[in-house]
Amino acid sequence: MLESSDLVAFVATTDLDRARAFYGDVLGLSVVEESPFACVFDAHGTQIRVTPVGEIRIAPYTVLGWAVADIVAMVRALGSAGVRFERFPGMDQDDLGVWAAPGGARVAWFTDPDGNVLSLTQAP
């Protein structure tokens, strides 16, 4: 049914201006549309609608993630832009915060200014 329809991802924020700066300036996503109701970004063909809410309920899991070709280079580049990568107890993460999954994928997590968990994944 929806296999030929484009996906739109949603993420909530309590401060649309701050989120716009993070997703646009720090992560480098292009703004497609902007209104008091949402700031829409192009994430390599997928729309991310950042919408303002009165209160964030932080999900204890990843809400958005990007597949990257070189996770080390991306972690370093984002780190240089001020992104702090998360460390989780019980996860064997390297010095950069990258975890090697049993299947060979490599994953690193960070949060947006509202605490939404985002990730980078490099396929094996």
C-alpha atoms as a PDB file:
ATOM      1  CA  MET A   1       0.000   0.000   0.000  1.00  0.00           C
ATOM      2  CA  LEU A   2       2.524   2.616   1.119  1.00  0.00           C
ATOM      3  CA  GLU A   3       5.528   1.095  -0.652  1.00  0.00           C
ATOM      4  CA  SER A   4       5.542   3.869  -3.275  1.00  0.00           C
ATOM      5  CA  SER A   5       4.906   6.725  -0.836  1.00  0.00           C
ATOM      6  CA  ASP A   6       7.650   8.863   0.650  1.00  0.00           C
ATOM      7  CA  LEU A   7       8.351   8.529   4.360  1.00  0.00           C
ATOM      8  CA  VAL A   8       8.122  11.603   6.587  1.00  0.00           C
ATOM      9  CA  ALA A   9       9.888  11.398   9.960  1.00  0.00           C
ATOM     10  CA  PHE A  10       8.765  13.457  12.964  1.00  0.00           C
ATOM     11  CA  VAL A  11      10.713  14.688  15.964  1.00  0.00           C
ATOM     12  CA  ALA A  12       9.473  16.971  18.730  1.00  0.00           C
ATOM     13  CA  THR A  13      11.078  20.080  20.189  1.00  0.00           C
ATOM     14  CA  THR A  14      10.253  22.619  22.880  1.00  0.00           C
ATOM     15  CA  ASP A  15      12.263  25.301  21.063  1.00  0.00           C
ATOM     16  CA  LEU A  16      11.881  25.415  17.281  1.00  0.00           C
ATOM     17  CA  ASP A  17      14.634  28.004  16.790  1.00  0.00           C
ATOM     18  CA  ARG A  18      17.130  25.944  18.786  1.00  0.00           C
ATOM     19  CA  ALA A  19      16.150  22.772  16.897  1.00  0.00           C
ATOM     20  CA  ARG A  20      16.465  24.588  13.565  1.00  0.00           C
ATOM     21  CA  ALA A  21      20.008  25.624  14.469  1.00  0.00           C
ATOM     22  CA  PHE A  22      20.936  22.077  15.515  1.00  0.00           C
ATOM     23  CA  TYR A  23      19.430  20.162  12.595  1.00  0.00           C
ATOM     24  CA  GLY A  24      20.346  22.826  10.042  1.00  0.00           C
ATOM     25  CA  ASP A  25      23.637  24.339  11.184  1.00  0.00           C
ATOM     26  CA  VAL A  26      25.182  21.493  13.201  1.00  0.00           C
ATOM     27  CA  LEU A  27      23.916  18.438  11.289  1.00  0.00           C
ATOM     28  CA  GLY A  28      23.917  20.245   7.939  1.00  0.00           C
ATOM     29  CA  LEU A  29      20.370  19.425   6.824  1.00  0.00           C
ATOM     30  CA  SER A  30      18.672  21.808   4.379  1.00  0.00           C
ATOM     31  CA  VAL A  31      15.475  23.553   5.430  1.00  0.00           C
ATOM     32  CA  VAL A  32      12.628  22.719   3.037  1.00  0.00           C
ATOM     33  CA  GLU A  33       9.837  24.588   4.789  1.00  0.00           C
ATOM     34  CA  GLU A  34       9.503  26.707   7.894  1.00  0.00           C
ATOM     35  CA  SER A  35       6.443  27.882   9.808  1.00  0.00           C
ATOM     36  CA  PRO A  36       5.394  28.324  13.438  1.00  0.00           C
ATOM     37  CA  PHE A  37       4.075  24.739  13.251  1.00  0.00           C
ATOM     38  CA  ALA A  38       7.193  22.943  11.989  1.00  0.00           C
ATOM     39  CA  CYS A  39      10.616  23.227  10.506  1.00  0.00           C
ATOM     40  CA  VAL A  40      10.984  20.667   7.733  1.00  0.00           C
ATOM     41  CA  PHE A  41      14.419  19.394   6.748  1.00  0.00           C
ATOM     42  CA  ASP A  42      15.604  17.312   3.805  1.00  0.00           C
ATOM     43  CA  ALA A  43      17.542  14.302   5.058  1.00  0.00           C
ATOM     44  CA  HIS A  44      18.822  12.898   1.762  1.00  0.00           C
ATOM     45  CA  GLY A  45      15.323  12.659   0.289  1.00  0.00           C
ATOM     46  CA  THR A  46      13.445  11.956   3.511  1.00  0.00           C
ATOM     47  CA  GLN A  47      11.612  14.795   5.186  1.00  0.00           C
ATOM     48  CA  ILE A  48      12.148  15.343   8.895  1.00  0.00           C
ATOM     49  CA  ARG A  49       9.417  17.492  10.416  1.00  0.00           C
ATOM     50  CA  VAL A  50      10.583  19.061  13.664  1.00  0.00           C
ATOM     51  CA  THR A  51       7.441  20.134  15.453  1.00  0.00           C
ATOM     52  CA  PRO A  52       7.070  22.277  18.572  1.00  0.00           C
ATOM     53  CA  VAL A  53       5.395  20.746  21.611  1.00  0.00           C
ATOM     54  CA  GLY A  54       4.766  22.022  25.115  1.00  0.00           C
ATOM     55  CA  GLU A  55       6.608  19.186  26.796  1.00  0.00           C
ATOM     56  CA  ILE A  56       9.008  16.524  25.539  1.00  0.00           C
ATOM     57  CA  ARG A  57       8.628  12.925  26.635  1.00  0.00           C
ATOM     58  CA  ILE A  58      12.035  11.502  25.942  1.00  0.00           C
ATOM     59  CA  ALA A  59      11.938   8.061  24.366  1.00  0.00           C
ATOM     60  CA  PRO A  60      14.499   5.679  25.910  1.00  0.00           C
ATOM     61  CA  TYR A  61      15.504   4.532  22.421  1.00  0.00           C
ATOM     62  CA  THR A  62      16.717   5.960  19.129  1.00  0.00           C
ATOM     63  CA  VAL A  63      14.130   8.076  17.308  1.00  0.00           C
ATOM     64  CA  LEU A  64      16.164   9.003  14.202  1.00  0.00           C
ATOM     65  CA  GLY A  65      19.269   7.472  12.694  1.00  0.00           C
ATOM     66  CA  TRP A  66      21.539   7.865   9.722  1.00  0.00           C
ATOM     67  CA  ALA A  67      23.388   5.184   7.771  1.00  0.00           C
ATOM     68  CA  VAL A  68      26.918   6.460   7.152  1.00  0.00           C
ATOM     69  CA  ALA A  69      29.802   5.108   5.093  1.00  0.00           C
ATOM     70  CA  ASP A  70      32.546   6.050   7.589  1.00  0.00           C
ATOM     71  CA  ILE A  71      31.348   6.284  11.180  1.00  0.00           C
ATOM     72  CA  VAL A  72      34.734   7.357  12.566  1.00  0.00           C
ATOM     73  CA  ALA A  73      34.963  10.307  10.170  1.00  0.00           C
ATOM     74  CA  MET A  74      31.344  11.300  10.880  1.00  0.00           C
ATOM     75  CA  VAL A  75      31.744  11.054  14.667  1.00  0.00           C
ATOM     76  CA  ARG A  76      34.850  13.225  14.460  1.00  0.00           C
ATOM     77  CA  ALA A  77      33.183  15.768  12.160  1.00  0.00           C
ATOM     78  CA  LEU A  78      30.093  16.038  14.349  1.00  0.00           C
ATOM     79  CA  GLY A  79      32.269  16.146  17.458  1.00  0.00           C
ATOM     80  CA  SER A  80      34.124  19.107  15.945  1.00  0.00           C
ATOM     81  CA  ALA A  81      30.735  20.781  15.455  1.00  0.00           C
ATOM     82  CA  GLY A  82      29.974  20.384  19.160  1.00  0.00           C
ATOM     83  CA  VAL A  83      28.004  17.125  19.156  1.00  0.00           C
ATOM     84  CA  ARG A  84      28.633  14.988  22.236  1.00  0.00           C
ATOM     85  CA  PHE A  85      28.332  11.240  21.797  1.00  0.00           C
ATOM     86  CA  GLU A  86      26.554   9.181  24.429  1.00  0.00           C
ATOM     87  CA  ARG A  87      27.942   6.288  26.433  1.00  0.00           C
ATOM     88  CA  PHE A  88      25.683   3.579  27.795  1.00  0.00           C
ATOM     89  CA  PRO A  89      26.471   1.315  30.753  1.00  0.00           C
ATOM     90  CA  GLY A  90      27.146  -2.253  29.735  1.00  0.00           C
ATOM     91  CA  MET A  91      27.915  -1.367  26.117  1.00  0.00           C
ATOM     92  CA  ASP A  92      31.499  -1.899  24.997  1.00  0.00           C
ATOM     93  CA  GLN A  93      32.051   1.413  23.188  1.00  0.00           C
ATOM     94  CA  ASP A  94      35.422   2.543  21.881  1.00  0.00           C
ATOM     95  CA  ASP A  95      37.154   5.869  22.658  1.00  0.00           C
ATOM     96  CA  LEU A  96      34.848   7.689  20.220  1.00  0.00           C
ATOM     97  CA  GLY A  97      31.706   6.121  21.700  1.00  0.00           C
ATOM     98  CA  VAL A  98      31.229   3.671  18.820  1.00  0.00           C
ATOM     99  CA  TRP A  99      29.747   0.257  19.644  1.00  0.00           C
ATOM    100  CA  ALA A 100      30.433  -2.821  17.511  1.00  0.00           C
ATOM    101  CA  ALA A 101      27.230  -4.844  17.167  1.00  0.00           C
ATOM    102  CA  PRO A 102      27.499  -8.658  17.081  1.00  0.00           C
ATOM    103  CA  GLY A 103      26.620  -8.652  13.358  1.00  0.00           C
ATOM    104  CA  GLY A 104      29.451  -6.247  12.525  1.00  0.00           C
ATOM    105  CA  ALA A 105      27.568  -2.961  12.277  1.00  0.00           C
ATOM    106  CA  ARG A 106      29.077  -0.019  14.157  1.00  0.00           C
ATOM    107  CA  VAL A 107      26.777   2.392  15.982  1.00  0.00           C
ATOM    108  CA  ALA A 108      27.196   5.701  17.823  1.00  0.00           C
ATOM    109  CA  TRP A 109      24.493   7.689  19.612  1.00  0.00           C
ATOM    110  CA  PHE A 110      24.013  11.373  20.351  1.00  0.00           C
ATOM    111  CA  THR A 111      21.118  13.590  21.364  1.00  0.00           C
ATOM    112  CA  ASP A 112      19.543  16.698  19.939  1.00  0.00           C
ATOM    113  CA  PRO A 113      19.066  19.742  22.216  1.00  0.00           C
ATOM    114  CA  ASP A 114      15.744  18.302  23.477  1.00  0.00           C
ATOM    115  CA  GLY A 115      17.294  14.970  24.463  1.00  0.00           C
ATOM    116  CA  ASN A 116      15.915  12.953  21.525  1.00  0.00           C
ATOM    117  CA  VAL A 117      18.297  10.042  20.895  1.00  0.00           C
ATOM    118  CA  LEU A 118      19.804  10.007  17.400  1.00  0.00           C
ATOM    119  CA  SER A 119      22.274   7.546  15.911  1.00  0.00           C
ATOM    120  CA  LEU A 120      24.827   6.860  13.235  1.00  0.00           C
ATOM    121  CA  THR A 121      25.253   3.348  11.860  1.00  0.00           C
ATOM    122  CA  GLN A 122      27.937   1.975   9.574  1.00  0.00           C
ATOM    123  CA  ALA A 123      26.994  -1.326   7.944  1.00  0.00           C
ATOM    124  CA  PRO A 124      29.463  -4.220   8.178  1.00  0.00           C
END
